[in-house]
Amino acid sequence: MVRSAQWELRQDGVESALENSRRGGHLWIFADQPLLARDCRIYIYNLARRLRVPVKGAGLAEGIEVFPRQDELSADEFGNAIRGPLGIHRAVRKRYWFYSANYRLDAQLEYLTGLRKITEEEMTRFVAGLTMPEEFQPRSKAILPPYDPNRPEFRILDHVGSVRRRSGNYWTRCPSCAQQGRDRSGDNLAICVTDPRKYKCWAGCSKEMIRAAVGCPIRTRIAS
């Protein structure tokens, strides 16, 4: 799957770097200057669709993960933290090397420096006429009535373990991630303190996946 994506990128003249990881590999693409996250995501998601590669979070528990996860962020929001190239993984205290160079820092840095970087003009050309595929488009946010703790409804806090409070959220292990043997640090799931109906897995699990993991699947309404 990673090799096919790497080959397809090469057809566009894009050099990518394959890095080892705990669960397979990471494919890094570098630019010569900061690019719009929206354009990068449109390009990669259309590439995944072309290759029929499953993408985690688009209703699927397994598949590739794409970063960045958001098209844009407001001034008071944070994106997903990722480990940079050649960084030490905080969970296993280990550095993962790129396959195409000797496993020494100087050789790895020389390899990464020598990679051809995407230009802004190239990215503009890549995404000309493209939009985000429908199956990957974010859903519109549901407008909820005012939160009433006495109202009988599904409560995510009843289905998770211990939580830690940080800022305006509780943080805990994501049930869907845990079902897949992930989220070892136990902080992928954010739950709003003031309205716990609002929760999000920062590893990409959808609400449908989370509800299914706790045995309370979201009911699907069938139109008559």
Foldseek 3Di string as FASTA:
>chain_A
DVVVLQVVCVVLVFHWWWWDDPVGTDIHAAAPDDDQQQLVQQLVQVSCVVVVFDEFQLPDLDTDDDPPPDRDDDPPDDTDDDADQQGQDPVVRHGIATPPFPPDPVGRVVVVVPGDHHYRVSSCVSCVPTHRPPSSDDDDDDDDDQDDPPDDDDAVVVQFDDWDDDDQWTFAAQLLQVVVVDDPVGGQKTAGPNHRVDMDGSRNHDPQSSCVSSPRGDDDDDDD
